[in-house]
Amino acid sequence: MTDSEPRPSAPRHPGTNLAHLGDFNQAVVLDAVRRAPDGVSRTVLRDQTGLAAQTVSNIVRRLLDAGMVVESGKQTRGPGKPRTIVKLDPDGGYAAGVHLDPAVITCVLLDLAGATRARAAIPTPLDTDPHRIIALVADQVRRLVDESEIDRGRIAGIGIATPGPIDEDASEVVDPPLLFGWHRVPFRRILAEETSLAVESGKDTAAVAIGEMWAGSDTADDFVFFYVGTGFGVGVVHAGEVVRGTSGNAGEIGHIIVDPDGPPCECGLRGCLSACCMPSNLVREAESLGVIPDDRVSRSGPAISASFTRLCDAAGAGDERAGAILDTAADRVARGISVITNLLDVDRVVFGGPFWPRIADRFLARVPGIVDELAIGREFHSPRVDGTELGEDVGAIGAACLVLSRRLGVRSAKLRIGP
């Protein structure tokens, strides 16, 4: 028994008492329960969502019957009948997530609470034939499910996160860098056929932002996620919603100029963020200076990853030239981020991705100070800068959260009436 019931954070969307919007209301209630890890009563759910008491009771009953929530004891608050506490049941549903980076393919299995139950990572094959890679992904997902001994019927679907560009309407991957042969590949459709599971898809930068919202511990509603993999980009979250853009390709920041005297870019300008800071270009610079040997047998994602590890290891061992390459990159990234934070006025900047752990300490020693220094409103507000707690699997976790958010979460699209 407790004397008072903690008030969960309010859901990002109020409910409605119109009967034909029941699916939306259920999503609102489930979202409120999800945000209360210690549980919440029906009374507080009513207050938080603005729904009628009977509507809340009916929805909670449906969620109990579906195994998505459980009743977890009683709570006494003043005189009157004790209130029954409702909590999310992590085993009420699962989602698989797949992150395809040119260097590594990561697969995870998440429960309803966003916790990772199983994971696997393999180098992306040098032969990037789409059908071979998709068959490999399907096999990895089946293996995770089998090894976890989770009832396949409890899996809501598979989420996939890929580099851009993507054709969101057609659910096709369109010529991403270093994935040769991926011209208008219907990854979502083929994987659904291979696995007989529902599949959601999205760009990697949007996926990591969704993953941070669903599975991360920070509660900021306005932030940017700086993704660091073989390529990089940002996921933008405003007012608790991921900004995908008209075509689903928001977040391309490679041509922000961060050093007018920097190296030439393929776009014809100099000092673009991509030309200065992309891991492949940092590797190329290190090779040209003799910091690391220029002995790569290919320009593939795994080869870039291996050489980038050499560069980071050299810097960690005290090689001044290697350290200077990474420190200069950190300073330039910070200038690029300041353009974004000043434009969007966000609360937080979070870094993550498969390459991030190798540079985290060095970047976090430099980037926050520069971002603060360049913040237009620094006298009264400067964004926090930190790294994700979700580790290098954040892309796959975000992919699984595409399923959780689109099938179980609250989206404004659910308010649409009619076809």
Protein backbone atom coordinates (compact mmCIF):
# COMPACT_ATOMS: atom_id res chain seq x y z
CA MET A 1 0.00 0.00 0.00
CA THR A 2 1.12 3.55 -0.67
CA ASP A 3 -0.29 6.82 0.59
CA SER A 4 -0.09 8.55 -2.76
CA GLU A 5 0.08 7.57 -6.36
CA PRO A 6 2.87 8.99 -8.56
CA ARG A 7 1.59 11.01 -11.43
CA PRO A 8 2.98 9.82 -14.74
CA SER A 9 4.00 12.30 -17.39
CA ALA A 10 1.04 13.34 -19.47
CA PRO A 11 0.55 11.59 -22.81
CA ARG A 12 1.60 13.69 -25.76
CA HIS A 13 -1.93 13.59 -27.20
CA PRO A 14 -5.25 13.93 -25.37
CA GLY A 15 -7.96 11.42 -26.12
CA THR A 16 -11.40 12.02 -27.53
CA ASN A 17 -14.79 10.75 -26.45
CA LEU A 18 -16.03 10.24 -30.02
CA ALA A 19 -16.84 6.55 -30.35
CA HIS A 20 -15.47 6.11 -33.88
CA LEU A 21 -11.99 7.13 -32.73
CA GLY A 22 -11.66 4.18 -30.35
CA ASP A 23 -8.41 2.90 -31.84
CA PHE A 24 -6.82 6.29 -31.27
CA ASN A 25 -8.10 6.39 -27.69
CA GLN A 26 -6.65 2.96 -27.01
CA ALA A 27 -3.29 4.15 -28.27
CA VAL A 28 -3.50 7.21 -26.00
CA VAL A 29 -4.26 5.09 -22.93
CA LEU A 30 -1.55 2.55 -23.74
CA ASP A 31 0.94 5.40 -24.24
CA ALA A 32 0.03 6.80 -20.80
CA VAL A 33 0.48 3.39 -19.17
CA ARG A 34 3.82 2.96 -20.95
CA ARG A 35 5.04 6.26 -19.52
CA ALA A 36 4.27 5.16 -15.94
CA PRO A 37 6.81 2.40 -15.18
CA ASP A 38 5.54 2.05 -11.60
CA GLY A 39 1.95 1.69 -12.75
CA VAL A 40 -1.07 3.98 -12.87
CA SER A 41 -4.71 3.81 -11.81
CA ARG A 42 -7.72 4.21 -14.06
CA THR A 43 -8.50 7.47 -12.27
CA VAL A 44 -5.17 8.99 -13.18
CA LEU A 45 -5.52 7.66 -16.73
CA ARG A 46 -8.83 9.49 -16.93
CA ASP A 47 -7.21 12.72 -15.71
CA GLN A 48 -4.21 12.34 -17.99
CA THR A 49 -6.11 11.53 -21.17
CA GLY A 50 -9.26 13.58 -20.72
CA LEU A 51 -11.38 10.54 -21.52
CA ALA A 52 -14.57 9.60 -19.72
CA ALA A 53 -14.17 7.14 -16.85
CA GLN A 54 -16.23 4.47 -18.63
CA THR A 55 -14.16 4.88 -21.81
CA VAL A 56 -10.94 4.38 -19.84
CA SER A 57 -12.37 1.32 -18.07
CA ASN A 58 -13.46 -0.24 -21.35
CA ILE A 59 -10.06 0.36 -22.95
CA VAL A 60 -8.16 -1.02 -19.96
CA ARG A 61 -10.34 -4.13 -20.07
CA ARG A 62 -9.48 -4.62 -23.76
CA LEU A 63 -5.78 -4.17 -23.02
CA LEU A 64 -6.00 -6.68 -20.16
CA ASP A 65 -7.76 -9.18 -22.41
CA ALA A 66 -5.07 -8.68 -25.07
CA GLY A 67 -2.32 -9.32 -22.52
CA MET A 68 -0.72 -5.91 -23.07
CA VAL A 69 -1.21 -4.65 -19.51
CA VAL A 70 -1.57 -6.34 -16.11
CA GLU A 71 -3.14 -5.33 -12.84
CA SER A 72 -0.46 -4.87 -10.20
CA GLY A 73 -1.87 -4.55 -6.69
CA LYS A 74 -3.92 -1.88 -4.98
CA GLN A 75 -3.17 1.68 -3.96
CA THR A 76 -4.83 3.69 -1.21
CA ARG A 77 -5.07 7.44 -1.47
CA GLY A 78 -7.20 8.97 1.24
CA PRO A 79 -10.72 7.75 2.02
CA GLY A 80 -12.58 5.58 -0.42
CA LYS A 81 -12.09 2.37 -2.27
CA PRO A 82 -8.47 1.35 -3.03
CA ARG A 83 -7.46 1.89 -6.64
CA THR A 84 -6.15 -0.93 -8.81
CA ILE A 85 -2.79 -0.17 -10.43
CA VAL A 86 -2.30 -1.04 -14.09
CA LYS A 87 1.16 -1.64 -15.57
CA LEU A 88 2.50 -2.44 -18.98
CA ASP A 89 3.23 -6.14 -19.47
CA PRO A 90 6.60 -6.31 -21.24
CA ASP A 91 5.68 -9.78 -22.52
CA GLY A 92 2.47 -8.46 -24.04
CA GLY A 93 4.12 -8.09 -27.42
CA TYR A 94 7.43 -8.04 -29.24
CA ALA A 95 9.02 -6.45 -32.29
CA ALA A 96 12.10 -7.34 -34.30
CA GLY A 97 14.39 -4.60 -35.55
CA VAL A 98 16.94 -4.67 -38.36
CA HIS A 99 19.49 -1.95 -39.04
CA LEU A 100 21.32 -2.13 -42.35
CA ASP A 101 24.52 -0.10 -42.36
CA PRO A 102 27.07 -0.62 -45.14
CA ALA A 103 29.48 -1.85 -42.46
CA VAL A 104 27.26 -3.96 -40.20
CA ILE A 105 23.82 -5.58 -40.07
CA THR A 106 22.32 -5.55 -36.59
CA CYS A 107 19.16 -7.39 -35.54
CA VAL A 108 17.35 -7.15 -32.19
CA LEU A 109 14.20 -8.46 -30.57
CA LEU A 110 12.45 -5.97 -28.27
CA ASP A 111 9.64 -6.48 -25.79
CA LEU A 112 6.70 -4.12 -25.37
CA ALA A 113 8.62 -2.00 -22.85
CA GLY A 114 11.47 -1.46 -25.31
CA ALA A 115 13.97 -3.78 -23.61
CA THR A 116 16.26 -5.87 -25.81
CA ARG A 117 15.59 -9.60 -25.39
CA ALA A 118 17.99 -10.85 -28.07
CA ARG A 119 20.47 -9.39 -30.54
CA ALA A 120 22.92 -10.35 -33.27
CA ALA A 121 25.34 -8.40 -35.44
CA ILE A 122 27.26 -9.48 -38.53
CA PRO A 123 29.47 -7.62 -41.00
CA THR A 124 27.62 -6.51 -44.10
CA PRO A 125 28.67 -8.87 -46.93
CA LEU A 126 31.13 -7.47 -49.45
CA ASP A 127 28.72 -8.70 -52.09
CA THR A 128 25.89 -6.26 -51.47
CA ASP A 129 23.41 -8.04 -53.74
CA PRO A 130 20.01 -6.98 -52.32
CA HIS A 131 18.36 -10.40 -52.50
CA ARG A 132 21.28 -12.09 -50.78
CA ILE A 133 21.31 -9.51 -47.98
CA ILE A 134 17.54 -9.64 -47.48
CA ALA A 135 17.63 -13.44 -47.31
CA LEU A 136 20.42 -13.14 -44.73
CA VAL A 137 18.35 -10.66 -42.71
CA ALA A 138 15.32 -12.96 -42.79
CA ASP A 139 17.47 -15.85 -41.56
CA GLN A 140 18.88 -13.74 -38.72
CA VAL A 141 15.41 -12.69 -37.59
CA ARG A 142 14.14 -16.28 -37.64
CA ARG A 143 17.16 -17.38 -35.63
CA LEU A 144 16.61 -14.69 -33.00
CA VAL A 145 12.98 -15.69 -32.60
CA ASP A 146 13.82 -19.39 -32.37
CA GLU A 147 16.62 -18.88 -29.84
CA SER A 148 14.52 -16.57 -27.68
CA GLU A 149 11.72 -19.18 -27.51
CA ILE A 150 9.19 -16.35 -27.84
CA ASP A 151 5.82 -17.25 -29.30
CA ARG A 152 5.95 -16.06 -32.90
CA GLY A 153 2.30 -15.06 -32.60
CA ARG A 154 3.28 -12.36 -30.08
CA ILE A 155 5.60 -10.62 -32.56
CA ALA A 156 3.91 -7.51 -33.92
CA GLY A 157 6.28 -7.26 -36.86
CA ILE A 158 9.74 -6.34 -38.10
CA GLY A 159 11.11 -2.84 -38.43
CA ILE A 160 13.92 -2.06 -40.86
CA ALA A 161 16.15 1.00 -40.82
CA THR A 162 18.26 1.75 -43.88
CA PRO A 163 20.44 4.55 -45.16
CA GLY A 164 18.80 7.11 -47.41
CA PRO A 165 17.64 8.07 -49.89
CA ILE A 166 14.38 6.19 -49.57
CA ASP A 167 11.11 6.37 -51.47
CA GLU A 168 8.77 6.32 -48.49
CA ASP A 169 5.57 5.99 -50.52
CA ALA A 170 6.92 2.98 -52.44
CA SER A 171 8.87 1.61 -49.43
CA GLU A 172 11.98 1.36 -51.61
CA VAL A 173 15.65 1.93 -50.87
CA VAL A 174 17.12 4.13 -53.60
CA ASP A 175 20.87 3.98 -54.30
CA PRO A 176 22.32 4.50 -50.79
CA PRO A 177 26.09 5.08 -50.68
CA LEU A 178 28.21 1.93 -50.47
CA LEU A 179 25.26 -0.42 -50.97
CA PHE A 180 25.92 -1.18 -54.60
CA GLY A 181 23.02 -2.58 -56.60
CA TRP A 182 20.36 -1.16 -54.28
CA HIS A 183 18.44 0.78 -56.89
CA ARG A 184 14.77 0.98 -55.91
CA VAL A 185 14.89 -2.18 -53.84
CA PRO A 186 11.51 -2.99 -52.20
CA PHE A 187 13.18 -4.18 -48.99
CA ARG A 188 9.95 -4.01 -46.98
CA ARG A 189 7.90 -6.09 -49.42
CA ILE A 190 10.56 -8.76 -49.96
CA LEU A 191 11.26 -9.18 -46.24
CA ALA A 192 7.54 -9.49 -45.52
CA GLU A 193 7.31 -12.25 -48.13
CA GLU A 194 10.40 -14.00 -46.71
CA THR A 195 9.19 -13.97 -43.10
CA SER A 196 5.37 -13.79 -43.33
CA LEU A 197 5.48 -10.98 -40.76
CA ALA A 198 4.29 -7.39 -41.03
CA VAL A 199 7.18 -5.07 -41.85
CA GLU A 200 7.64 -1.34 -41.20
CA SER A 201 10.48 0.60 -42.78
CA GLY A 202 12.15 3.96 -42.38
CA LYS A 203 15.33 5.91 -42.81
CA ASP A 204 18.01 5.17 -40.24
CA THR A 205 18.12 8.72 -38.84
CA ALA A 206 14.36 8.71 -38.20
CA ALA A 207 14.57 5.24 -36.64
CA VAL A 208 17.28 6.17 -34.13
CA ALA A 209 15.25 9.20 -33.05
CA ILE A 210 12.16 7.02 -32.51
CA GLY A 211 14.27 4.51 -30.61
CA GLU A 212 15.59 7.23 -28.33
CA MET A 213 12.02 8.36 -27.57
CA TRP A 214 10.69 4.86 -26.91
CA ALA A 215 13.59 3.07 -25.26
CA GLY A 216 15.80 5.89 -23.96
CA SER A 217 15.50 7.36 -20.46
CA ASP A 218 15.55 11.05 -21.40
CA THR A 219 12.19 12.81 -21.63
CA ALA A 220 13.10 15.72 -23.93
CA ASP A 221 10.37 16.40 -26.50
CA ASP A 222 12.63 18.49 -28.74
CA PHE A 223 16.01 17.05 -29.68
CA VAL A 224 18.26 16.08 -32.55
CA PHE A 225 19.97 12.71 -32.82
CA PHE A 226 23.32 12.82 -34.62
CA TYR A 227 23.76 9.38 -36.17
CA VAL A 228 27.34 8.18 -36.70
CA GLY A 229 27.81 5.12 -38.89
CA THR A 230 29.49 4.59 -42.23
CA GLY A 231 27.56 7.74 -43.08
CA PHE A 232 25.91 10.29 -40.85
CA GLY A 233 22.82 12.44 -40.56
CA VAL A 234 20.38 13.73 -37.96
CA GLY A 235 17.00 12.62 -36.73
CA VAL A 236 14.87 15.56 -35.60
CA VAL A 237 12.17 15.34 -32.93
CA HIS A 238 9.86 18.32 -32.40
CA ALA A 239 7.07 18.36 -29.81
CA GLY A 240 7.46 14.61 -29.38
CA GLU A 241 7.09 13.81 -33.08
CA VAL A 242 9.79 12.72 -35.51
CA VAL A 243 10.20 15.11 -38.43
CA ARG A 244 10.42 12.88 -41.49
CA GLY A 245 9.95 15.46 -44.22
CA THR A 246 7.72 15.27 -47.29
CA SER A 247 9.55 12.29 -48.81
CA GLY A 248 10.82 10.69 -45.60
CA ASN A 249 14.39 11.89 -46.20
CA ALA A 250 14.75 14.66 -43.61
CA GLY A 251 18.07 14.86 -41.82
CA GLU A 252 20.61 15.10 -44.64
CA ILE A 253 23.21 17.52 -43.26
CA GLY A 254 26.30 16.59 -45.26
CA HIS A 255 26.47 19.87 -47.16
CA ILE A 256 26.45 22.28 -44.24
CA ILE A 257 29.70 24.22 -44.64
CA VAL A 258 31.75 23.94 -41.45
CA ASP A 259 35.15 25.09 -42.73
CA PRO A 260 35.34 27.40 -45.78
CA ASP A 261 39.01 26.48 -46.16
CA GLY A 262 38.35 22.77 -45.76
CA PRO A 263 38.70 20.00 -48.35
CA PRO A 264 36.74 20.12 -51.60
CA CYS A 265 33.38 18.38 -51.67
CA GLU A 266 31.82 16.45 -54.53
CA CYS A 267 29.08 19.09 -54.61
CA GLY A 268 31.61 21.67 -55.84
CA LEU A 269 31.98 23.62 -52.59
CA ARG A 270 34.65 23.38 -49.91
CA GLY A 271 34.46 22.44 -46.27
CA CYS A 272 31.12 20.62 -46.27
CA LEU A 273 30.44 18.49 -43.22
CA SER A 274 30.54 15.35 -45.35
CA ALA A 275 33.88 16.15 -46.96
CA CYS A 276 35.41 17.10 -43.61
CA CYS A 277 34.00 14.55 -41.21
CA MET A 278 32.56 11.46 -42.91
CA PRO A 279 34.43 8.43 -41.50
CA SER A 280 35.54 7.37 -44.98
CA ASN A 281 37.08 10.80 -45.56
CA LEU A 282 38.79 10.79 -42.16
CA VAL A 283 40.24 7.40 -43.03
CA ARG A 284 41.42 8.71 -46.38
CA GLU A 285 43.11 11.66 -44.68
CA ALA A 286 44.79 9.38 -42.15
CA GLU A 287 46.05 7.12 -44.95
CA SER A 288 47.43 10.04 -46.94
CA LEU A 289 49.36 11.28 -43.88
CA GLY A 290 50.72 7.83 -43.11
CA VAL A 291 48.89 7.65 -39.78
CA ILE A 292 47.43 4.27 -40.75
CA PRO A 293 48.54 2.00 -43.59
CA ASP A 294 46.79 2.38 -46.92
CA ASP A 295 46.28 -1.34 -47.39
CA ARG A 296 42.54 -1.68 -47.78
CA VAL A 297 41.57 -4.24 -50.39
CA SER A 298 38.23 -2.51 -50.98
CA ARG A 299 36.26 0.65 -50.27
CA SER A 300 33.45 -1.35 -48.73
CA GLY A 301 31.66 -0.52 -45.49
CA PRO A 302 33.44 -3.22 -43.44
CA ALA A 303 36.82 -2.06 -44.80
CA ILE A 304 36.06 1.55 -43.86
CA SER A 305 34.98 0.40 -40.40
CA ALA A 306 38.20 -1.54 -39.85
CA SER A 307 40.37 1.38 -40.96
CA PHE A 308 38.37 3.83 -38.84
CA THR A 309 38.99 1.59 -35.83
CA ARG A 310 42.72 1.74 -36.59
CA LEU A 311 42.57 5.53 -36.66
CA CYS A 312 40.69 5.72 -33.36
CA ASP A 313 43.02 3.19 -31.74
CA ALA A 314 46.04 5.22 -32.87
CA ALA A 315 44.54 8.36 -31.36
CA GLY A 316 43.81 6.50 -28.13
CA ALA A 317 47.42 5.28 -28.01
CA GLY A 318 48.68 8.85 -28.13
CA ASP A 319 49.42 9.37 -31.84
CA GLU A 320 49.22 13.15 -32.12
CA ARG A 321 48.41 13.16 -35.83
CA ALA A 322 45.55 10.71 -35.35
CA GLY A 323 44.29 12.72 -32.39
CA ALA A 324 44.43 15.93 -34.42
CA ILE A 325 42.34 14.39 -37.20
CA LEU A 326 39.61 13.36 -34.78
CA ASP A 327 39.76 16.58 -32.74
CA THR A 328 39.42 18.69 -35.88
CA ALA A 329 36.49 16.54 -36.97
CA ALA A 330 34.86 17.00 -33.56
CA ASP A 331 35.20 20.78 -33.79
CA ARG A 332 33.74 20.83 -37.29
CA VAL A 333 30.85 18.56 -36.27
CA ALA A 334 30.14 20.91 -33.37
CA ARG A 335 29.92 23.88 -35.75
CA GLY A 336 27.53 21.93 -37.96
CA ILE A 337 25.40 20.97 -34.98
CA SER A 338 25.24 24.58 -33.81
CA VAL A 339 23.63 25.54 -37.11
CA ILE A 340 20.93 22.91 -36.48
CA THR A 341 20.40 23.74 -32.78
CA ASN A 342 20.15 27.47 -33.47
CA LEU A 343 17.64 26.79 -36.24
CA LEU A 344 15.45 24.43 -34.23
CA ASP A 345 16.02 25.63 -30.63
CA VAL A 346 16.09 22.09 -29.21
CA ASP A 347 16.66 20.91 -25.65
CA ARG A 348 19.15 18.19 -26.40
CA VAL A 349 21.67 16.81 -28.88
CA VAL A 350 22.31 13.08 -28.62
CA PHE A 351 24.98 11.11 -30.47
CA GLY A 352 24.85 7.43 -31.35
CA GLY A 353 25.29 4.78 -33.99
CA PRO A 354 27.63 1.87 -34.73
CA PHE A 355 30.75 4.06 -35.08
CA TRP A 356 29.96 6.34 -32.12
CA PRO A 357 31.57 4.33 -29.26
CA ARG A 358 34.98 4.68 -30.93
CA ILE A 359 34.93 8.48 -30.78
CA ALA A 360 32.54 9.16 -27.90
CA ASP A 361 35.04 10.26 -25.24
CA ARG A 362 36.99 12.52 -27.58
CA PHE A 363 33.89 14.15 -29.10
CA LEU A 364 32.10 14.68 -25.78
CA ALA A 365 35.22 16.43 -24.47
CA ARG A 366 34.98 19.06 -27.23
CA VAL A 367 31.54 19.28 -28.84
CA PRO A 368 29.42 20.49 -25.87
CA GLY A 369 31.61 23.53 -25.21
CA ILE A 370 31.57 24.66 -28.83
CA VAL A 371 27.82 24.14 -29.18
CA ASP A 372 27.31 26.21 -26.03
CA GLU A 373 29.66 28.93 -27.24
CA LEU A 374 27.84 29.23 -30.57
CA ALA A 375 24.32 29.03 -29.09
CA ILE A 376 22.40 32.21 -29.98
CA GLY A 377 20.40 32.13 -26.74
CA ARG A 378 23.14 30.83 -24.48
CA GLU A 379 22.34 33.39 -21.75
CA PHE A 380 19.05 31.64 -21.08
CA HIS A 381 19.20 28.31 -22.91
CA SER A 382 21.83 25.98 -24.30
CA PRO A 383 21.14 22.42 -25.43
CA ARG A 384 22.55 19.48 -23.53
CA VAL A 385 24.94 17.30 -25.52
CA ASP A 386 25.41 13.63 -24.65
CA GLY A 387 25.54 10.12 -26.04
CA THR A 388 22.69 7.65 -26.26
CA GLU A 389 22.31 5.03 -23.54
CA LEU A 390 21.13 2.50 -26.13
CA GLY A 391 24.62 1.63 -27.35
CA GLU A 392 25.72 0.85 -30.88
CA ASP A 393 22.52 -1.15 -31.49
CA VAL A 394 20.45 2.04 -31.46
CA GLY A 395 19.65 1.74 -35.18
CA ALA A 396 18.16 -1.73 -34.77
CA ILE A 397 16.40 -0.75 -31.55
CA GLY A 398 14.94 2.23 -33.38
CA ALA A 399 13.84 -0.03 -36.21
CA ALA A 400 11.94 -2.26 -33.78
CA CYS A 401 10.42 0.86 -32.24
CA LEU A 402 9.06 1.76 -35.68
CA VAL A 403 6.79 -1.24 -35.20
CA LEU A 404 5.95 -0.40 -31.59
CA SER A 405 5.23 3.25 -32.35
CA ARG A 406 3.25 2.72 -35.56
CA ARG A 407 1.22 -0.22 -34.31
CA LEU A 408 0.88 0.59 -30.62
CA GLY A 409 1.70 4.28 -30.25
CA VAL A 410 -0.10 7.56 -30.85
CA ARG A 411 0.13 9.16 -34.28
CA SER A 412 -1.82 12.08 -35.63
CA ALA A 413 -2.59 9.99 -38.73
CA LYS A 414 -4.88 7.85 -36.59
CA LEU A 415 -7.17 10.85 -36.26
CA ARG A 416 -8.02 10.77 -39.95
CA ILE A 417 -11.56 9.73 -40.68
CA GLY A 418 -12.44 7.84 -43.84
CA PRO A 419 -10.12 6.41 -46.48
